[in-house]
Amino acid sequence: MDAVLADFAQHWPLYTAIPFIAALIGYVTKRVAIEMMFRPLDFVGIRPIFGWQGVVPKHGGRMAAIATDLLTKNLIDLGEVIGRIQPDRLVREIEQPLLRAIDALARDVLARHHPRLWESLPPMAQDLIVKQLQAGSPKLVRELLEEIRTNLDGVLDVKHMTVERLTRDRALLVRLIRETSRPEMAFIARCGIYFGFVLGVVQAVVWALTKNPWVLPAFGGAIGLFTDWLAIKMIFLPRRPVKIGPITLQGKFQRRKAEVARQYGEIIAREVLTVPNLLDELLTGPRADRLAALVRRVVARAVDEQVGLIRPLVSATVGGERLREMTETAAAGALAQMPYLLRSAEPYLVEAMDLANLVERRMLALTPEDYENLLRPAFRQEEWKLIAVGGVIGFVVGELQVLLMLH
């Protein structure tokens, strides 16, 4: 023991440094593990023997599917969301662009399919026809919105849209997970400092007693492995509050449920289920042909109502086949005008659908197990690799400590 104390007195700066170096090992291994979860977005290295791609972007499709299942099954009822849109208010919001669109579309369709008849009409008669069509446009909008509500699942595949967006935009998927878990990531890094320091004290004592050159790398590896594993467990467990005397234990991610719910809802509303994204899915998604058929049906009804009692005269003058062609052209024009029309109503639609608050409320109602699935898949797939990397880095730094102590 006297020899140990003498050695400590002679080399006390080195012994004092060991816990601090161990704390540094803990912190560095955690930061490396965190960055390896999210970076790089694309594979870097030589396939298949050496290289790395962030865990989240590498498994983007699976994680996007998990996030989408949570969103569509537990957090979003799109029928309820669309049901909040008031037809009369929507008509008011798009009134001016709607009137301009009807004017341009009516003149184009009539001039294209029956130029002689259209050109033979005096300007006053042409304007009268256009104004009659414009007068019927609010009813057309209401009927179209009602048809979309009734056939929502048939015309909009929100699961396809969400998976497609998150898979195609890996940076968005990374941002979605990283932003909602930033305090947890900082917690993991801090745990590395605290746990590393404590184990470093033990490490210094064992080195003083044994002088075994394997002690420092072995402890360094253990620090990296154990603290990575423990920090990840402490994020999620225990799922529900557990009281031990005056202390209440609960996983950090579980404790932040209200904050995460608000952040997640804002990101989903701002970057995923946006009005332009939903409209794009309606117009170009796998069920776009069903929307086109729906619009044709609504436009055909509107044309029937406009023609009314003079249908025999119109059929005789224009022809039944040409009338159908005009209806098809009008329907195609209506579809093409939808992005332009809804652009002016986007602020109202965002306010009416209120997706951010809906997601927040639904998330707060999730069970701890379902809520955990928001973040847990990001760790579970290759958690062992992240822990192993911590062990390897800790071992290497421990070996450097041995060289420092010996030389």
Protein backbone atom coordinates (compact mmCIF):
# COMPACT_ATOMS: atom_id res chain seq x y z
CA MET A 1 0.00 0.00 0.00
CA ASP A 2 2.90 2.35 0.77
CA ALA A 3 4.22 1.74 -2.73
CA VAL A 4 0.83 2.57 -4.20
CA LEU A 5 0.59 5.81 -2.23
CA ALA A 6 4.13 6.74 -3.19
CA ASP A 7 3.37 6.13 -6.85
CA PHE A 8 0.23 8.20 -6.58
CA ALA A 9 2.13 11.06 -4.91
CA GLN A 10 4.74 10.96 -7.68
CA HIS A 11 2.28 10.78 -10.58
CA TRP A 12 -0.78 12.46 -9.09
CA PRO A 13 -1.41 14.69 -12.15
CA LEU A 14 -1.76 11.57 -14.30
CA TYR A 15 -4.02 9.81 -11.79
CA THR A 16 -6.13 12.94 -11.43
CA ALA A 17 -6.46 13.14 -15.19
CA ILE A 18 -7.85 9.59 -15.56
CA PRO A 19 -11.45 10.38 -14.39
CA PHE A 20 -11.55 13.48 -16.55
CA ILE A 21 -10.27 11.57 -19.56
CA ALA A 22 -12.83 8.86 -18.84
CA ALA A 23 -15.54 11.55 -18.74
CA LEU A 24 -14.27 12.82 -22.07
CA ILE A 25 -14.40 9.26 -23.46
CA GLY A 26 -18.00 8.98 -22.31
CA TYR A 27 -18.96 12.27 -23.93
CA VAL A 28 -17.13 11.67 -27.22
CA THR A 29 -18.52 8.17 -27.64
CA LYS A 30 -22.04 9.49 -27.10
CA ARG A 31 -21.62 12.35 -29.56
CA VAL A 32 -20.21 9.98 -32.17
CA ALA A 33 -23.08 7.53 -31.62
CA ILE A 34 -25.65 10.34 -31.93
CA GLU A 35 -24.16 11.65 -35.16
CA MET A 36 -23.96 8.11 -36.56
CA MET A 37 -27.70 7.83 -36.10
CA PHE A 38 -28.37 10.73 -38.46
CA ARG A 39 -25.28 11.20 -40.64
CA PRO A 40 -24.38 10.86 -43.39
CA LEU A 41 -27.61 10.92 -45.37
CA ASP A 42 -26.02 8.83 -48.14
CA PHE A 43 -23.63 5.89 -47.82
CA VAL A 44 -19.98 6.89 -47.53
CA GLY A 45 -17.29 4.25 -48.02
CA ILE A 46 -16.66 1.14 -50.09
CA ARG A 47 -19.62 -1.21 -50.41
CA PRO A 48 -20.10 -3.73 -48.91
CA ILE A 49 -17.00 -4.08 -46.79
CA PHE A 50 -16.45 -0.67 -45.27
CA GLY A 51 -18.48 2.46 -44.82
CA TRP A 52 -21.44 3.97 -43.01
CA GLN A 53 -24.79 5.59 -43.59
CA GLY A 54 -26.81 7.16 -40.79
CA VAL A 55 -29.15 4.66 -39.16
CA VAL A 56 -32.23 6.83 -39.76
CA PRO A 57 -31.62 7.60 -43.46
CA LYS A 58 -30.45 4.02 -44.12
CA HIS A 59 -33.73 2.62 -42.84
CA GLY A 60 -35.75 5.60 -44.03
CA GLY A 61 -38.44 3.55 -45.75
CA ARG A 62 -39.15 1.37 -42.72
CA MET A 63 -39.04 4.30 -40.31
CA ALA A 64 -41.26 6.37 -42.59
CA ALA A 65 -43.75 3.50 -42.66
CA ILE A 66 -43.71 3.24 -38.85
CA ALA A 67 -44.17 7.00 -38.46
CA THR A 68 -46.98 6.95 -41.02
CA ASP A 69 -48.77 4.06 -39.30
CA LEU A 70 -48.67 6.01 -36.05
CA LEU A 71 -49.90 9.13 -37.82
CA THR A 72 -52.75 7.56 -39.80
CA LYS A 73 -53.97 5.09 -37.17
CA ASN A 74 -53.61 7.11 -33.99
CA LEU A 75 -53.12 10.80 -34.72
CA ILE A 76 -55.02 11.84 -37.84
CA ASP A 77 -58.59 11.29 -38.95
CA LEU A 78 -58.52 12.92 -42.36
CA GLY A 79 -62.29 12.76 -42.67
CA GLU A 80 -62.58 14.84 -39.51
CA VAL A 81 -59.94 17.25 -40.82
CA ILE A 82 -61.63 17.80 -44.19
CA GLY A 83 -64.99 18.02 -42.43
CA ARG A 84 -63.83 21.19 -40.69
CA ILE A 85 -63.70 23.06 -43.99
CA GLN A 86 -66.83 25.20 -44.35
CA PRO A 87 -68.00 25.27 -48.00
CA ASP A 88 -69.40 28.81 -47.84
CA ARG A 89 -66.21 30.15 -46.28
CA LEU A 90 -64.12 28.32 -48.89
CA VAL A 91 -66.20 29.89 -51.66
CA ARG A 92 -65.62 33.33 -50.18
CA GLU A 93 -61.88 32.74 -49.93
CA ILE A 94 -61.54 31.73 -53.60
CA GLU A 95 -64.31 33.94 -55.00
CA GLN A 96 -62.24 36.26 -57.18
CA PRO A 97 -59.82 33.65 -58.62
CA LEU A 98 -62.81 31.33 -59.13
CA LEU A 99 -64.72 33.91 -61.17
CA ARG A 100 -61.63 34.60 -63.30
CA ALA A 101 -61.02 30.89 -63.80
CA ILE A 102 -64.66 30.26 -64.84
CA ASP A 103 -64.50 33.17 -67.27
CA ALA A 104 -61.30 31.94 -68.92
CA LEU A 105 -62.35 28.29 -68.92
CA ALA A 106 -65.84 28.93 -70.34
CA ARG A 107 -64.53 31.09 -73.19
CA ASP A 108 -61.77 28.60 -73.99
CA VAL A 109 -64.05 25.55 -74.02
CA LEU A 110 -66.76 27.18 -76.12
CA ALA A 111 -64.26 28.72 -78.56
CA ARG A 112 -62.42 25.42 -78.94
CA HIS A 113 -65.37 23.08 -79.39
CA HIS A 114 -67.84 25.29 -81.21
CA PRO A 115 -65.91 28.28 -82.61
CA ARG A 116 -68.50 29.28 -85.23
CA LEU A 117 -71.38 29.36 -82.78
CA TRP A 118 -69.33 31.18 -80.16
CA GLU A 119 -67.91 33.75 -82.55
CA SER A 120 -71.34 34.42 -84.04
CA LEU A 121 -72.65 35.54 -80.65
CA PRO A 122 -72.40 39.24 -79.83
CA PRO A 123 -70.08 40.13 -76.91
CA MET A 124 -73.08 40.85 -74.68
CA ALA A 125 -74.45 37.34 -75.26
CA GLN A 126 -71.02 35.80 -74.60
CA ASP A 127 -70.74 37.74 -71.35
CA LEU A 128 -74.24 36.66 -70.35
CA ILE A 129 -73.33 32.99 -70.79
CA VAL A 130 -70.14 33.41 -68.78
CA LYS A 131 -71.97 35.23 -65.98
CA GLN A 132 -74.57 32.46 -65.85
CA LEU A 133 -71.78 29.89 -65.45
CA GLN A 134 -70.10 32.04 -62.81
CA ALA A 135 -73.36 32.27 -60.89
CA GLY A 136 -73.45 28.49 -60.64
CA SER A 137 -69.81 28.16 -59.55
CA PRO A 138 -70.41 28.37 -55.76
CA LYS A 139 -72.78 25.42 -55.97
CA LEU A 140 -70.20 23.57 -58.05
CA VAL A 141 -67.55 24.13 -55.35
CA ARG A 142 -69.89 22.95 -52.59
CA GLU A 143 -70.85 19.81 -54.50
CA LEU A 144 -67.21 19.04 -55.32
CA LEU A 145 -66.16 19.42 -51.68
CA GLU A 146 -69.04 17.20 -50.56
CA GLU A 147 -68.09 14.54 -53.12
CA ILE A 148 -64.47 14.59 -51.94
CA ARG A 149 -65.60 14.23 -48.33
CA THR A 150 -67.90 11.33 -49.19
CA ASN A 151 -65.25 9.53 -51.27
CA LEU A 152 -62.15 10.65 -49.35
CA ASP A 153 -60.55 7.22 -48.99
CA GLY A 154 -61.14 6.60 -52.66
CA VAL A 155 -59.42 9.74 -53.93
CA LEU A 156 -56.70 10.38 -51.32
CA ASP A 157 -54.11 7.86 -50.07
CA VAL A 158 -52.58 9.81 -47.19
CA LYS A 159 -50.43 6.86 -46.13
CA HIS A 160 -48.85 6.66 -49.59
CA MET A 161 -48.29 10.40 -49.58
CA THR A 162 -46.62 10.47 -46.17
CA VAL A 163 -44.35 7.48 -46.80
CA GLU A 164 -43.41 8.88 -50.20
CA ARG A 165 -42.56 12.30 -48.78
CA LEU A 166 -40.51 10.99 -45.86
CA THR A 167 -38.71 8.37 -47.96
CA ARG A 168 -37.87 10.73 -50.80
CA ASP A 169 -36.78 13.53 -48.48
CA ARG A 170 -34.43 11.77 -46.05
CA ALA A 171 -33.37 15.13 -44.61
CA LEU A 172 -37.00 15.75 -43.59
CA LEU A 173 -37.23 12.35 -41.90
CA VAL A 174 -33.98 13.01 -40.02
CA ARG A 175 -35.22 16.47 -39.02
CA LEU A 176 -38.54 15.04 -37.81
CA ILE A 177 -36.81 12.56 -35.49
CA ARG A 178 -33.89 14.78 -34.50
CA GLU A 179 -35.93 17.86 -33.63
CA THR A 180 -38.33 15.92 -31.42
CA SER A 181 -35.48 14.07 -29.68
CA ARG A 182 -32.87 16.83 -29.31
CA PRO A 183 -33.03 16.99 -25.46
CA GLU A 184 -32.71 13.19 -25.34
CA MET A 185 -29.58 13.35 -27.48
CA ALA A 186 -28.09 16.01 -25.21
CA PHE A 187 -29.02 13.83 -22.22
CA ILE A 188 -27.15 10.88 -23.70
CA ALA A 189 -24.03 13.01 -24.17
CA ARG A 190 -24.23 14.35 -20.59
CA CYS A 191 -24.67 10.83 -19.24
CA GLY A 192 -21.38 9.95 -20.89
CA ILE A 193 -19.65 12.66 -18.85
CA TYR A 194 -21.15 11.67 -15.49
CA PHE A 195 -20.89 7.91 -15.89
CA GLY A 196 -17.45 8.21 -17.42
CA PHE A 197 -16.11 10.27 -14.52
CA VAL A 198 -17.35 7.80 -11.89
CA LEU A 199 -15.94 4.82 -13.74
CA GLY A 200 -12.73 6.76 -14.30
CA VAL A 201 -12.24 7.05 -10.54
CA VAL A 202 -12.57 3.27 -10.28
CA GLN A 203 -10.25 2.95 -13.26
CA ALA A 204 -7.54 5.04 -11.55
CA VAL A 205 -7.75 2.97 -8.36
CA VAL A 206 -7.48 -0.33 -10.24
CA TRP A 207 -4.50 0.96 -12.26
CA ALA A 208 -2.74 2.06 -9.09
CA LEU A 209 -3.23 -1.41 -7.57
CA THR A 210 -2.42 -3.55 -10.60
CA LYS A 211 -0.41 -1.52 -13.15
CA ASN A 212 -1.91 -3.94 -15.68
CA PRO A 213 -1.69 -2.38 -19.17
CA TRP A 214 -5.05 -3.94 -20.08
CA VAL A 215 -6.90 -2.15 -17.30
CA LEU A 216 -7.24 1.24 -18.97
CA PRO A 217 -8.34 0.02 -22.44
CA ALA A 218 -10.66 -2.54 -20.85
CA PHE A 219 -12.25 0.10 -18.65
CA GLY A 220 -12.38 2.54 -21.57
CA GLY A 221 -14.25 -0.01 -23.66
CA ALA A 222 -16.54 -0.81 -20.74
CA ILE A 223 -17.26 2.88 -20.22
CA GLY A 224 -18.22 3.28 -23.89
CA LEU A 225 -20.38 0.14 -23.94
CA PHE A 226 -22.10 0.53 -20.61
CA THR A 227 -22.83 4.24 -20.75
CA ASP A 228 -24.21 4.01 -24.31
CA TRP A 229 -26.49 1.15 -23.30
CA LEU A 230 -27.60 2.75 -20.03
CA ALA A 231 -28.22 6.19 -21.55
CA ILE A 232 -30.46 4.73 -24.27
CA LYS A 233 -32.42 2.73 -21.67
CA MET A 234 -32.85 5.81 -19.48
CA ILE A 235 -34.45 7.69 -22.36
CA PHE A 236 -37.39 5.29 -22.57
CA LEU A 237 -37.60 3.45 -19.24
CA PRO A 238 -39.46 3.38 -17.02
CA ARG A 239 -42.41 4.19 -19.26
CA ARG A 240 -44.63 5.20 -16.38
CA PRO A 241 -43.60 7.18 -13.27
CA VAL A 242 -42.09 5.04 -10.52
CA LYS A 243 -41.75 6.60 -7.06
CA ILE A 244 -38.82 5.55 -4.90
CA GLY A 245 -39.15 7.58 -1.73
CA PRO A 246 -39.03 11.27 -2.69
CA ILE A 247 -37.62 10.46 -6.15
CA THR A 248 -39.81 9.83 -9.21
CA LEU A 249 -38.20 7.88 -12.03
CA GLN A 250 -39.46 7.99 -15.60
CA GLY A 251 -37.82 7.83 -19.01
CA LYS A 252 -36.82 11.29 -20.21
CA PHE A 253 -38.70 10.93 -23.51
CA GLN A 254 -41.83 9.91 -21.63
CA ARG A 255 -41.56 12.91 -19.30
CA ARG A 256 -41.42 15.29 -22.26
CA LYS A 257 -44.60 13.99 -23.87
CA ALA A 258 -46.39 17.36 -23.92
CA GLU A 259 -43.41 19.17 -25.45
CA VAL A 260 -42.77 16.44 -28.03
CA ALA A 261 -46.46 16.37 -29.00
CA ARG A 262 -46.41 20.09 -29.74
CA GLN A 263 -43.17 19.91 -31.75
CA TYR A 264 -44.26 16.85 -33.70
CA GLY A 265 -47.63 18.37 -34.55
CA GLU A 266 -46.00 21.56 -35.81
CA ILE A 267 -43.54 19.69 -38.05
CA ILE A 268 -46.24 17.42 -39.47
CA ALA A 269 -48.52 20.38 -40.22
CA ARG A 270 -45.73 22.58 -41.57
CA GLU A 271 -43.75 20.08 -43.66
CA VAL A 272 -45.69 16.85 -44.26
CA LEU A 273 -49.48 17.19 -44.35
CA THR A 274 -49.46 20.62 -45.95
CA VAL A 275 -52.22 21.90 -48.22
CA PRO A 276 -49.94 21.80 -51.33
CA ASN A 277 -48.82 18.24 -50.46
CA LEU A 278 -52.39 17.03 -49.98
CA LEU A 279 -53.47 18.70 -53.22
CA ASP A 280 -50.51 17.21 -55.07
CA GLU A 281 -51.46 13.75 -53.82
CA LEU A 282 -55.05 14.31 -54.96
CA LEU A 283 -53.98 15.40 -58.44
CA THR A 284 -50.97 13.16 -59.11
CA GLY A 285 -51.13 10.34 -56.57
CA PRO A 286 -52.11 6.72 -57.29
CA ARG A 287 -55.81 7.58 -56.92
CA ALA A 288 -55.74 10.70 -59.09
CA ASP A 289 -57.85 8.98 -61.77
CA ARG A 290 -60.66 8.58 -59.23
CA LEU A 291 -60.58 12.30 -58.45
CA ALA A 292 -60.69 13.04 -62.18
CA ALA A 293 -63.76 10.81 -62.54
CA LEU A 294 -65.37 12.54 -59.56
CA VAL A 295 -64.73 16.00 -61.03
CA ARG A 296 -66.13 14.90 -64.40
CA ARG A 297 -69.26 13.69 -62.65
CA VAL A 298 -69.75 16.97 -60.78
CA VAL A 299 -69.03 19.08 -63.87
CA ALA A 300 -71.42 16.96 -65.95
CA ARG A 301 -74.17 17.58 -63.41
CA ALA A 302 -73.43 21.30 -63.51
CA VAL A 303 -73.58 21.31 -67.31
CA ASP A 304 -76.89 19.44 -67.20
CA GLU A 305 -78.31 22.03 -64.84
CA GLN A 306 -77.07 24.91 -66.99
CA VAL A 307 -78.44 23.42 -70.17
CA GLY A 308 -81.73 22.48 -68.47
CA LEU A 309 -84.80 22.74 -70.65
CA ILE A 310 -82.95 23.75 -73.78
CA ARG A 311 -80.98 20.47 -73.92
CA PRO A 312 -82.79 19.26 -77.11
CA LEU A 313 -81.91 22.54 -78.83
CA VAL A 314 -78.30 22.37 -77.62
CA SER A 315 -77.97 18.75 -78.66
CA ALA A 316 -79.33 19.59 -82.09
CA THR A 317 -77.07 22.63 -82.48
CA VAL A 318 -73.89 21.39 -80.78
CA GLY A 319 -74.35 17.65 -80.96
CA GLY A 320 -74.41 15.14 -78.11
CA GLU A 321 -70.84 13.92 -78.75
CA ARG A 322 -69.41 17.44 -78.88
CA LEU A 323 -71.31 18.31 -75.68
CA ARG A 324 -69.62 15.36 -73.94
CA GLU A 325 -66.25 16.53 -75.25
CA MET A 326 -66.93 20.00 -73.91
CA THR A 327 -67.77 18.50 -70.51
CA GLU A 328 -64.52 16.49 -70.52
CA THR A 329 -62.50 19.60 -71.40
CA ALA A 330 -64.24 21.63 -68.69
CA ALA A 331 -63.51 18.91 -66.11
CA ALA A 332 -59.84 18.75 -67.13
CA GLY A 333 -59.66 22.54 -66.92
CA ALA A 334 -61.23 22.49 -63.46
CA LEU A 335 -58.61 20.00 -62.25
CA ALA A 336 -55.81 22.09 -63.70
CA GLN A 337 -57.16 25.22 -61.96
CA MET A 338 -57.42 23.65 -58.50
CA PRO A 339 -53.85 24.52 -57.34
CA TYR A 340 -54.33 28.11 -58.51
CA LEU A 341 -57.70 28.43 -56.80
CA LEU A 342 -56.69 26.88 -53.48
CA ARG A 343 -53.51 28.91 -53.22
CA SER A 344 -55.53 31.93 -52.15
CA ALA A 345 -57.46 29.81 -49.64
CA GLU A 346 -54.39 28.15 -48.11
CA PRO A 347 -54.27 30.33 -44.95
CA TYR A 348 -57.93 29.55 -44.27
CA LEU A 349 -57.48 25.82 -44.97
CA VAL A 350 -54.50 25.62 -42.60
CA GLU A 351 -56.52 27.38 -39.91
CA ALA A 352 -59.64 25.29 -40.46
CA MET A 353 -57.91 21.89 -40.59
CA ASP A 354 -55.81 22.79 -37.51
CA LEU A 355 -53.55 19.77 -38.01
CA ALA A 356 -50.87 20.80 -35.53
CA ASN A 357 -53.28 20.99 -32.60
CA LEU A 358 -55.07 17.82 -33.68
CA VAL A 359 -51.82 15.83 -33.76
CA GLU A 360 -50.79 17.31 -30.40
CA ARG A 361 -54.08 16.36 -28.71
CA ARG A 362 -54.11 12.86 -30.16
CA MET A 363 -50.48 12.27 -29.21
CA LEU A 364 -51.10 13.30 -25.62
CA ALA A 365 -53.79 10.60 -25.50
CA LEU A 366 -51.41 7.83 -26.67
CA THR A 367 -50.40 5.05 -24.31
CA PRO A 368 -46.73 5.16 -23.22
CA GLU A 369 -46.03 2.14 -25.43
CA ASP A 370 -47.55 3.73 -28.56
CA TYR A 371 -45.89 7.05 -27.81
CA GLU A 372 -42.49 5.36 -27.42
CA ASN A 373 -42.81 4.04 -30.98
CA LEU A 374 -42.46 7.60 -32.20
CA LEU A 375 -38.73 7.50 -31.44
CA ARG A 376 -37.80 3.94 -30.39
CA PRO A 377 -37.49 2.50 -33.93
CA ALA A 378 -34.72 5.01 -34.64
CA PHE A 379 -32.62 3.28 -31.96
CA ARG A 380 -33.81 -0.32 -32.08
CA GLN A 381 -32.70 -1.38 -35.57
CA GLU A 382 -28.95 -0.89 -35.09
CA GLU A 383 -28.70 0.00 -31.44
CA TRP A 384 -26.04 -2.67 -30.92
CA LYS A 385 -23.80 -1.03 -33.52
CA LEU A 386 -24.01 2.33 -31.78
CA ILE A 387 -23.14 0.71 -28.44
CA ALA A 388 -20.30 -1.27 -30.05
CA VAL A 389 -18.83 1.90 -31.57
CA GLY A 390 -18.81 3.45 -28.09
CA GLY A 391 -16.91 0.43 -26.78
CA VAL A 392 -14.33 0.54 -29.58
CA ILE A 393 -13.68 4.26 -29.17
CA GLY A 394 -13.41 3.85 -25.40
CA PHE A 395 -10.92 0.98 -25.84
CA VAL A 396 -8.73 3.02 -28.19
CA VAL A 397 -8.67 6.04 -25.89
CA GLY A 398 -7.88 3.74 -22.95
CA GLU A 399 -4.91 2.37 -24.86
CA LEU A 400 -3.70 5.92 -25.42
CA GLN A 401 -3.97 6.45 -21.66
CA VAL A 402 -1.72 3.45 -21.08
CA LEU A 403 0.91 4.92 -23.36
CA LEU A 404 0.64 8.20 -21.46
CA MET A 405 0.99 6.47 -18.06
CA LEU A 406 3.93 4.32 -19.11
CA HIS A 407 5.88 6.88 -21.01
